Amino acid sequence: MTTLTEPCQLTLVRKQLEQSPDLLALWASSKHHQKAYWAVPDAGFEFVALGKAQHFRTDERASRFESVRADLGTLNIDLVGEPGPDFTAGVLVGGFAFSDREIERHPDWAVFGGGELVLPEIFIARSNDRTWITHVEGTDIPALNPSLDPELGWVEEVDHKNDDEYLGLVSSALKEIEAGNMTKVVTARSLSLPANLNSAALLERLKTRHPSCATFAIAHGSQVFLGASPEKLVNVEGNRLETAALAGSRPRHEHPGADAQLRAELLAHPKERNEHQIVIDDITESLTNAGVDLDSPVGTGVMKLRRIQHLHTPISGTLPKNTDILDIVKALHPTPAVAGLPRQRSQDWIDEHELMDRGWYAAPVGWMTPNGSGEFRVALRSALLTDTSLTLFAGGGIVEGAEPDRELAETATKFEALLGALDLTP
């Protein structure tokens, strides 16, 4: 079933603010049932989206991209007020489910549906030293001077390094690969911790610890999907597209020499390079099939994060006419970095064998403008927060030569992106 607000003419008022408020404090103080937050500190970009002026949603997963795309045709915005950049002219914020199937396993993702983009009632965005507010005409604007409560709340520590069921899952995946049924499959697991947490305090810690990542949160009442994603699915500005292949990893080390050795090992390791090349090849093929005129290839480097480092290859190009960011999101998802190859076979295997419902984990989350620009990230290093629990997700790519124990250790390292923010790791 697809639901959307009744099509109507919406007047948005835009104004540049003299001073930038604490956007995360605004997120925390907002009583809106639906709200979103986004920050990439290293890029000097941050926004908060409060309320729901119009939404484009489907509860079904199979046709989620097509349904939301079709409903966007009812969007009718009249923008008045002061001049500003494109991203202040009526941004839509949201995401989509990973799978095209309905999965009846934990956790419960029902409130998020198959996919949704929301035009907020109030949108406040900061780009470096300038801040704008865009709101539906007649909307009451909250006080813009709240302060952030730094108290995190409580969470119980659980063992995140041992998981016999995941070892079995990886072994099963390797048998499928050895049988020739798949070239690669990404296996993932979840970790549920009893918790009652202040989502804003957790987000503040995440953006401080991971300034190069996109710290994001999408809330439906007390249920919040949040994380700090290092992986850009796609960025579109005008007719220019940027994405990247991100696959293959090693942990970081506090000693510079040991860290450099891990980096060199990552760059030279046949299994990691093979896994990474699979992702590069699939992304370039998908974009070419979508009509993108790709730029000349660039070399593979290493993206260094706080506890982990990944092989990273930027990919860019020019979009064809009448193509926007949502077309590219649909063309790219799921990349081999989060599903495998062949795409449908690996996704079907994941749906049938993983012990959880990925929901929006490892799926596209982000924002777009009505003219088709914007950015979507792959929702990695992420968790689903409720009043009583925090469920974390992590996975790794399985190709020929993978070792179950090493793959389990990789997921434990990825969990630590959030566990570290909870003071549950050294």
Protein backbone atom coordinates (compact mmCIF):
# COMPACT_ATOMS: atom_id res chain seq x y z
CA MET A 1 0.00 0.00 0.00
CA THR A 2 1.23 3.48 -0.87
CA THR A 3 0.25 6.49 1.21
CA LEU A 4 0.88 10.17 0.64
CA THR A 5 -0.59 13.40 1.80
CA GLU A 6 -3.19 14.96 -0.48
CA PRO A 7 -1.55 16.83 -3.35
CA CYS A 8 -1.71 20.55 -2.75
CA GLN A 9 0.14 23.78 -3.38
CA LEU A 10 2.65 24.30 -0.57
CA THR A 11 4.23 27.67 0.01
CA LEU A 12 7.70 27.47 1.56
CA VAL A 13 9.33 30.52 3.13
CA ARG A 14 13.13 30.73 3.11
CA LYS A 15 15.28 33.00 5.24
CA GLN A 16 18.96 33.20 6.08
CA LEU A 17 19.64 33.24 9.81
CA GLU A 18 22.10 35.68 11.33
CA GLN A 19 23.35 33.05 13.77
CA SER A 20 23.34 29.28 13.50
CA PRO A 21 21.47 27.48 16.29
CA ASP A 22 22.56 24.14 17.70
CA LEU A 23 20.79 21.93 15.16
CA LEU A 24 21.17 18.76 17.18
CA ALA A 25 19.66 20.52 20.21
CA LEU A 26 16.71 21.48 17.98
CA TRP A 27 16.38 17.83 17.01
CA ALA A 28 16.34 16.81 20.67
CA SER A 29 13.84 19.45 21.77
CA SER A 30 11.42 18.89 18.87
CA LYS A 31 8.12 17.17 19.71
CA HIS A 32 7.44 16.25 16.07
CA HIS A 33 6.67 12.57 15.57
CA GLN A 34 8.79 12.47 12.42
CA LYS A 35 12.12 14.22 12.19
CA ALA A 36 15.54 13.71 10.67
CA TYR A 37 19.12 14.81 11.24
CA TRP A 38 22.17 14.79 8.97
CA ALA A 39 25.75 16.00 9.46
CA VAL A 40 29.05 15.63 7.61
CA PRO A 41 31.38 17.70 9.82
CA ASP A 42 34.38 17.56 7.51
CA ALA A 43 32.23 19.02 4.72
CA GLY A 44 30.79 21.72 7.01
CA PHE A 45 27.26 20.52 6.23
CA GLU A 46 24.44 19.83 8.70
CA PHE A 47 20.65 19.94 8.72
CA VAL A 48 17.64 19.15 10.85
CA ALA A 49 14.23 18.33 9.33
CA LEU A 50 11.21 18.62 11.63
CA GLY A 51 7.67 17.45 11.00
CA LYS A 52 5.87 16.19 7.91
CA ALA A 53 4.34 18.68 5.51
CA GLN A 54 4.02 16.09 2.76
CA HIS A 55 5.24 12.53 2.56
CA PHE A 56 5.66 9.95 -0.15
CA ARG A 57 5.62 6.48 1.35
CA THR A 58 5.05 2.86 0.50
CA ASP A 59 4.69 0.02 2.98
CA GLU A 60 5.54 -2.52 0.28
CA ARG A 61 9.16 -3.35 -0.43
CA ALA A 62 8.95 -4.94 -3.87
CA SER A 63 8.10 -1.74 -5.77
CA ARG A 64 9.40 0.77 -3.24
CA PHE A 65 11.49 2.89 -5.61
CA GLU A 66 8.85 3.01 -8.34
CA SER A 67 6.02 3.82 -5.89
CA VAL A 68 7.81 6.72 -4.22
CA ARG A 69 9.02 8.01 -7.60
CA ALA A 70 5.48 8.01 -9.00
CA ASP A 71 4.06 9.86 -5.98
CA LEU A 72 6.69 12.59 -6.17
CA GLY A 73 4.84 13.86 -9.23
CA THR A 74 2.23 15.38 -6.90
CA LEU A 75 4.80 17.65 -5.22
CA ASN A 76 3.91 21.28 -5.90
CA ILE A 77 6.06 23.91 -4.15
CA ASP A 78 5.97 27.68 -4.31
CA LEU A 79 9.14 29.10 -2.74
CA VAL A 80 9.16 32.68 -1.43
CA GLY A 81 11.49 34.76 0.72
CA GLU A 82 15.21 35.31 0.57
CA PRO A 83 17.63 33.74 -1.93
CA GLY A 84 19.58 30.67 -0.94
CA PRO A 85 21.32 27.56 -2.26
CA ASP A 86 19.50 24.71 -3.98
CA PHE A 87 19.41 22.50 -0.88
CA THR A 88 17.24 25.04 0.95
CA ALA A 89 14.48 24.98 -1.68
CA GLY A 90 12.37 22.11 -0.34
CA VAL A 91 14.49 19.10 0.57
CA LEU A 92 12.96 15.61 0.81
CA VAL A 93 14.52 13.36 3.45
CA GLY A 94 14.19 9.61 3.95
CA GLY A 95 15.28 6.18 2.85
CA PHE A 96 14.37 2.73 1.60
CA ALA A 97 14.39 -0.88 2.77
CA PHE A 98 17.34 -3.08 1.81
CA SER A 99 15.34 -6.01 0.48
CA ASP A 100 12.53 -6.25 -2.05
CA ARG A 101 10.95 -8.97 0.12
CA GLU A 102 8.89 -8.85 3.31
CA ILE A 103 10.99 -10.43 6.06
CA GLU A 104 9.31 -11.68 9.23
CA ARG A 105 12.27 -11.69 11.60
CA HIS A 106 13.61 -9.35 14.25
CA PRO A 107 13.83 -6.41 14.66
CA ASP A 108 10.50 -4.71 13.86
CA TRP A 109 10.88 -2.21 11.01
CA ALA A 110 7.15 -1.72 10.35
CA VAL A 111 7.03 2.01 11.12
CA PHE A 112 9.70 2.69 8.50
CA GLY A 113 7.92 0.86 5.70
CA GLY A 114 9.40 -0.05 2.35
CA GLY A 115 10.45 3.49 1.55
CA GLU A 116 9.62 7.07 2.36
CA LEU A 117 10.64 10.61 1.45
CA VAL A 118 9.34 13.44 3.65
CA LEU A 119 9.07 17.14 2.94
CA PRO A 120 9.48 18.60 6.46
CA GLU A 121 7.47 21.43 7.94
CA ILE A 122 10.69 23.05 9.14
CA PHE A 123 14.12 22.58 7.57
CA ILE A 124 17.23 24.29 8.95
CA ALA A 125 20.53 23.75 7.15
CA ARG A 126 24.04 24.95 7.81
CA SER A 127 26.75 25.03 5.17
CA ASN A 128 30.04 26.18 6.70
CA ASP A 129 29.32 29.61 8.23
CA ARG A 130 25.87 30.24 6.71
CA THR A 131 22.52 28.91 7.90
CA TRP A 132 19.04 29.00 6.34
CA ILE A 133 15.59 28.09 7.57
CA THR A 134 12.90 26.95 5.14
CA HIS A 135 9.42 26.32 6.50
CA VAL A 136 5.83 25.85 5.39
CA GLU A 137 4.06 29.21 5.40
CA GLY A 138 2.10 29.66 8.63
CA THR A 139 4.07 27.05 10.58
CA ASP A 140 4.96 27.91 14.16
CA ILE A 141 8.73 28.17 14.46
CA PRO A 142 10.20 26.86 17.73
CA ALA A 143 12.68 28.86 19.79
CA LEU A 144 16.05 28.51 18.10
CA ASN A 145 18.15 28.59 21.27
CA PRO A 146 17.76 25.20 22.98
CA SER A 147 20.73 23.53 24.62
CA LEU A 148 21.73 19.91 24.18
CA ASP A 149 21.45 17.55 27.15
CA PRO A 150 24.80 15.67 27.14
CA GLU A 151 23.54 12.79 29.31
CA LEU A 152 23.67 9.61 27.23
CA GLY A 153 21.41 7.37 29.31
CA TRP A 154 22.15 3.73 30.04
CA VAL A 155 23.08 0.68 28.02
CA GLU A 156 24.07 -2.84 29.03
CA GLU A 157 27.26 -4.28 27.58
CA VAL A 158 27.08 -7.60 25.76
CA ASP A 159 29.69 -9.78 24.06
CA HIS A 160 30.11 -8.56 20.48
CA LYS A 161 33.14 -10.66 19.52
CA ASN A 162 31.68 -14.18 19.67
CA ASP A 163 28.81 -15.44 17.55
CA ASP A 164 28.68 -19.11 16.57
CA GLU A 165 25.60 -18.59 14.44
CA TYR A 166 27.44 -16.01 12.35
CA LEU A 167 30.39 -18.36 11.89
CA GLY A 168 27.91 -20.91 10.56
CA LEU A 169 26.37 -18.33 8.24
CA VAL A 170 29.77 -17.48 6.75
CA SER A 171 30.59 -21.17 6.30
CA SER A 172 27.30 -21.68 4.47
CA ALA A 173 28.06 -18.71 2.23
CA LEU A 174 31.49 -20.14 1.38
CA LYS A 175 29.90 -23.44 0.32
CA GLU A 176 27.59 -21.54 -2.07
CA ILE A 177 30.56 -19.70 -3.53
CA GLU A 178 32.61 -22.89 -3.87
CA ALA A 179 29.64 -24.49 -5.66
CA GLY A 180 29.68 -21.66 -8.18
CA ASN A 181 26.28 -20.26 -7.23
CA MET A 182 27.65 -16.84 -6.26
CA THR A 183 30.87 -14.89 -6.73
CA LYS A 184 30.35 -12.90 -3.53
CA VAL A 185 27.77 -12.51 -0.79
CA VAL A 186 27.71 -10.07 2.11
CA THR A 187 26.74 -11.69 5.39
CA ALA A 188 25.56 -9.55 8.30
CA ARG A 189 24.54 -9.95 11.92
CA SER A 190 22.82 -7.92 14.59
CA LEU A 191 23.65 -7.19 18.22
CA SER A 192 20.85 -6.19 20.60
CA LEU A 193 21.66 -4.33 23.81
CA PRO A 194 19.13 -3.42 26.53
CA ALA A 195 19.22 0.37 26.59
CA ASN A 196 17.45 3.62 27.23
CA LEU A 197 19.43 6.26 25.40
CA ASN A 198 19.31 9.93 24.53
CA SER A 199 19.49 9.74 20.72
CA ALA A 200 20.79 13.30 20.38
CA ALA A 201 23.64 12.68 22.83
CA LEU A 202 24.59 9.54 20.87
CA LEU A 203 24.48 11.45 17.58
CA GLU A 204 26.71 14.17 19.05
CA ARG A 205 29.27 11.55 19.99
CA LEU A 206 29.09 9.90 16.57
CA LYS A 207 29.66 13.09 14.59
CA THR A 208 32.56 14.05 16.88
CA ARG A 209 34.22 10.63 16.58
CA HIS A 210 33.56 10.19 12.84
CA PRO A 211 33.77 13.65 11.22
CA SER A 212 34.32 12.32 7.69
CA CYS A 213 31.18 10.16 7.85
CA ALA A 214 27.55 11.18 7.44
CA THR A 215 25.97 11.02 10.88
CA PHE A 216 22.27 10.48 10.26
CA ALA A 217 19.03 9.84 12.14
CA ILE A 218 15.48 9.22 10.96
CA ALA A 219 12.87 9.10 13.70
CA HIS A 220 9.30 7.84 13.88
CA GLY A 221 8.37 8.73 17.43
CA SER A 222 10.53 6.78 19.87
CA GLN A 223 11.97 4.56 17.12
CA VAL A 224 15.10 6.03 15.61
CA PHE A 225 17.30 4.61 12.87
CA LEU A 226 20.72 6.22 13.22
CA GLY A 227 24.37 5.78 12.37
CA ALA A 228 27.58 7.22 10.96
CA SER A 229 27.99 6.02 7.38
CA PRO A 230 31.35 6.18 5.58
CA GLU A 231 29.90 5.00 2.27
CA LYS A 232 28.49 7.42 -0.27
CA LEU A 233 25.99 5.65 -2.50
CA VAL A 234 25.65 8.69 -4.75
CA ASN A 235 25.93 12.48 -4.69
CA VAL A 236 24.35 14.50 -7.50
CA GLU A 237 24.77 18.22 -8.09
CA GLY A 238 23.24 19.42 -11.32
CA ASN A 239 24.23 16.83 -13.92
CA ARG A 240 27.38 15.71 -12.08
CA LEU A 241 27.51 12.44 -10.18
CA GLU A 242 29.95 11.20 -7.56
CA THR A 243 30.07 7.81 -5.91
CA ALA A 244 32.74 5.39 -4.71
CA ALA A 245 33.58 1.74 -4.31
CA LEU A 246 34.20 0.87 -0.66
CA ALA A 247 35.02 -2.75 0.12
CA GLY A 248 37.85 -4.64 1.77
CA SER A 249 39.02 -3.69 5.25
CA ARG A 250 41.56 -3.96 8.02
CA PRO A 251 41.42 -2.63 11.60
CA ARG A 252 43.35 0.48 12.64
CA HIS A 253 46.26 0.39 15.10
CA GLU A 254 47.26 3.13 17.54
CA HIS A 255 50.95 2.72 16.66
CA PRO A 256 51.73 4.52 13.35
CA GLY A 257 54.10 1.82 12.14
CA ALA A 258 51.69 -1.02 12.83
CA ASP A 259 48.85 0.98 11.28
CA ALA A 260 50.90 1.56 8.13
CA GLN A 261 51.66 -2.16 7.98
CA LEU A 262 47.94 -2.98 8.15
CA ARG A 263 47.31 -0.45 5.37
CA ALA A 264 50.01 -2.03 3.17
CA GLU A 265 48.60 -5.49 3.88
CA LEU A 266 45.13 -4.29 2.86
CA LEU A 267 46.38 -2.81 -0.41
CA ALA A 268 48.31 -5.96 -1.30
CA HIS A 269 45.95 -8.71 -0.10
CA PRO A 270 44.50 -10.71 -3.06
CA LYS A 271 41.21 -11.49 -1.31
CA GLU A 272 40.59 -7.85 -0.36
CA ARG A 273 41.57 -6.52 -3.80
CA ASN A 274 39.35 -9.10 -5.49
CA GLU A 275 36.40 -8.14 -3.29
CA HIS A 276 37.02 -4.46 -4.02
CA GLN A 277 37.33 -4.96 -7.79
CA ILE A 278 34.00 -6.79 -7.84
CA VAL A 279 32.38 -3.66 -6.41
CA ILE A 280 34.16 -1.32 -8.85
CA ASP A 281 33.11 -3.41 -11.84
CA ASP A 282 29.47 -3.63 -10.78
CA ILE A 283 29.12 0.09 -10.02
CA THR A 284 30.67 1.12 -13.34
CA GLU A 285 28.49 -1.36 -15.24
CA SER A 286 25.33 -0.18 -13.45
CA LEU A 287 26.09 3.48 -14.11
CA THR A 288 26.96 2.84 -17.75
CA ASN A 289 23.66 0.98 -18.21
CA ALA A 290 21.90 4.00 -16.66
CA GLY A 291 23.44 6.22 -19.35
CA VAL A 292 26.06 7.92 -17.17
CA ASP A 293 29.12 9.22 -19.04
CA LEU A 294 31.86 8.09 -16.66
CA ASP A 295 35.07 10.02 -16.07
CA SER A 296 38.45 8.34 -16.51
CA PRO A 297 39.20 5.78 -13.76
CA VAL A 298 41.29 6.82 -10.77
CA GLY A 299 43.48 4.72 -8.51
CA THR A 300 42.42 2.85 -5.42
CA GLY A 301 43.43 4.27 -2.05
CA VAL A 302 42.55 3.69 1.60
CA MET A 303 39.85 5.47 3.60
CA LYS A 304 40.95 5.66 7.23
CA LEU A 305 38.26 5.73 9.89
CA ARG A 306 38.63 5.68 13.66
CA ARG A 307 38.80 1.91 14.13
CA ILE A 308 38.84 0.53 10.60
CA GLN A 309 40.27 1.29 7.15
CA HIS A 310 38.79 0.40 3.77
CA LEU A 311 39.90 0.18 0.17
CA HIS A 312 38.31 3.18 -1.54
CA THR A 313 37.99 4.13 -5.22
CA PRO A 314 36.17 7.34 -6.26
CA ILE A 315 33.90 7.11 -9.34
CA SER A 316 32.35 10.12 -11.09
CA GLY A 317 30.54 11.06 -14.26
CA THR A 318 27.87 13.11 -16.05
CA LEU A 319 24.19 12.23 -15.94
CA PRO A 320 22.10 11.95 -19.10
CA LYS A 321 19.11 14.24 -19.55
CA ASN A 322 15.93 13.43 -17.59
CA THR A 323 17.87 11.40 -15.01
CA ASP A 324 18.04 12.37 -11.34
CA ILE A 325 19.42 11.02 -8.09
CA LEU A 326 16.52 8.65 -7.42
CA ASP A 327 17.10 6.95 -10.77
CA ILE A 328 20.73 6.36 -9.79
CA VAL A 329 19.82 5.14 -6.29
CA LYS A 330 17.57 2.51 -7.86
CA ALA A 331 20.24 1.56 -10.41
CA LEU A 332 22.99 1.11 -7.82
CA HIS A 333 21.17 -0.58 -4.94
CA PRO A 334 22.15 -3.09 -3.73
CA THR A 335 25.81 -2.77 -4.62
CA PRO A 336 28.07 -5.83 -4.24
CA ALA A 337 29.52 -4.07 -1.17
CA VAL A 338 26.27 -4.79 0.74
CA ALA A 339 24.72 -7.74 -1.15
CA GLY A 340 27.03 -9.59 -3.55
CA LEU A 341 27.06 -10.97 -7.08
CA PRO A 342 24.99 -11.94 -8.89
CA ARG A 343 22.86 -9.26 -7.28
CA GLN A 344 19.49 -10.97 -7.16
CA ARG A 345 20.92 -14.37 -6.27
CA SER A 346 22.96 -12.93 -3.39
CA GLN A 347 20.07 -10.82 -2.11
CA ASP A 348 17.75 -13.84 -2.20
CA TRP A 349 20.33 -15.89 -0.30
CA ILE A 350 20.62 -13.13 2.34
CA ASP A 351 16.83 -12.95 2.71
CA GLU A 352 16.60 -16.69 3.17
CA HIS A 353 19.57 -17.32 5.47
CA GLU A 354 20.32 -14.29 7.64
CA LEU A 355 18.83 -14.47 11.12
CA MET A 356 17.43 -10.94 11.06
CA ASP A 357 15.51 -8.45 8.94
CA ARG A 358 17.95 -5.85 7.63
CA GLY A 359 15.14 -3.33 7.27
CA TRP A 360 16.83 -0.07 6.33
CA TYR A 361 20.30 -1.28 7.34
CA ALA A 362 22.73 -1.32 4.37
CA ALA A 363 20.10 0.47 2.29
CA PRO A 364 19.89 4.02 0.86
CA VAL A 365 19.24 6.88 3.30
CA GLY A 366 19.61 10.55 2.44
CA TRP A 367 18.04 13.59 0.90
CA MET A 368 17.13 15.11 -2.45
CA THR A 369 15.84 18.34 -3.90
CA PRO A 370 12.78 18.52 -6.18
CA ASN A 371 15.08 19.06 -9.16
CA GLY A 372 16.92 15.78 -8.48
CA SER A 373 20.15 16.79 -6.73
CA GLY A 374 21.16 15.50 -3.30
CA GLU A 375 23.03 12.73 -1.53
CA PHE A 376 22.26 9.20 -0.41
CA ARG A 377 24.52 7.13 1.80
CA VAL A 378 24.56 3.39 2.40
CA ALA A 379 23.21 3.01 5.94
CA LEU A 380 26.21 1.26 7.46
CA ARG A 381 27.64 1.55 11.01
CA SER A 382 24.02 1.90 12.02
CA ALA A 383 21.52 0.89 14.69
CA LEU A 384 17.80 0.86 15.46
CA LEU A 385 16.99 2.56 18.76
CA THR A 386 13.78 2.10 20.77
CA ASP A 387 12.79 2.98 24.33
CA THR A 388 14.18 -0.31 25.61
CA SER A 389 16.90 -1.47 23.23
CA LEU A 390 19.62 -0.62 20.74
CA THR A 391 20.09 -3.09 17.87
CA LEU A 392 23.37 -2.73 15.97
CA PHE A 393 24.16 -4.14 12.53
CA ALA A 394 27.42 -5.08 10.81
CA GLY A 395 28.50 -7.28 7.93
CA GLY A 396 31.33 -8.26 5.64
CA GLY A 397 31.91 -9.43 2.11
CA ILE A 398 32.47 -13.16 1.61
CA VAL A 399 34.44 -14.24 -1.44
CA GLU A 400 36.57 -17.29 -2.20
CA GLY A 401 39.35 -17.48 0.36
CA ALA A 402 37.43 -15.80 3.18
CA GLU A 403 38.02 -17.16 6.71
CA PRO A 404 35.01 -17.30 9.07
CA ASP A 405 36.98 -16.25 12.16
CA ARG A 406 38.47 -13.25 10.38
CA GLU A 407 35.06 -12.25 9.02
CA LEU A 408 33.57 -12.42 12.52
CA ALA A 409 36.38 -10.20 13.80
CA GLU A 410 35.66 -7.69 11.03
CA THR A 411 32.02 -7.36 12.09
CA ALA A 412 33.14 -6.88 15.70
CA THR A 413 35.40 -4.03 14.58
CA LYS A 414 32.51 -2.46 12.67
CA PHE A 415 30.23 -2.69 15.72
CA GLU A 416 32.81 -0.62 17.58
CA ALA A 417 31.98 2.47 15.52
CA LEU A 418 28.88 2.73 17.72
CA LEU A 419 30.08 0.83 20.77
CA GLY A 420 32.94 3.28 21.12
CA ALA A 421 30.46 6.14 21.25
CA LEU A 422 28.72 4.28 24.07
CA ASP A 423 32.03 3.90 25.97
CA LEU A 424 31.79 0.12 25.56
CA THR A 425 35.18 -0.31 23.88
CA PRO A 426 38.67 0.79 24.91
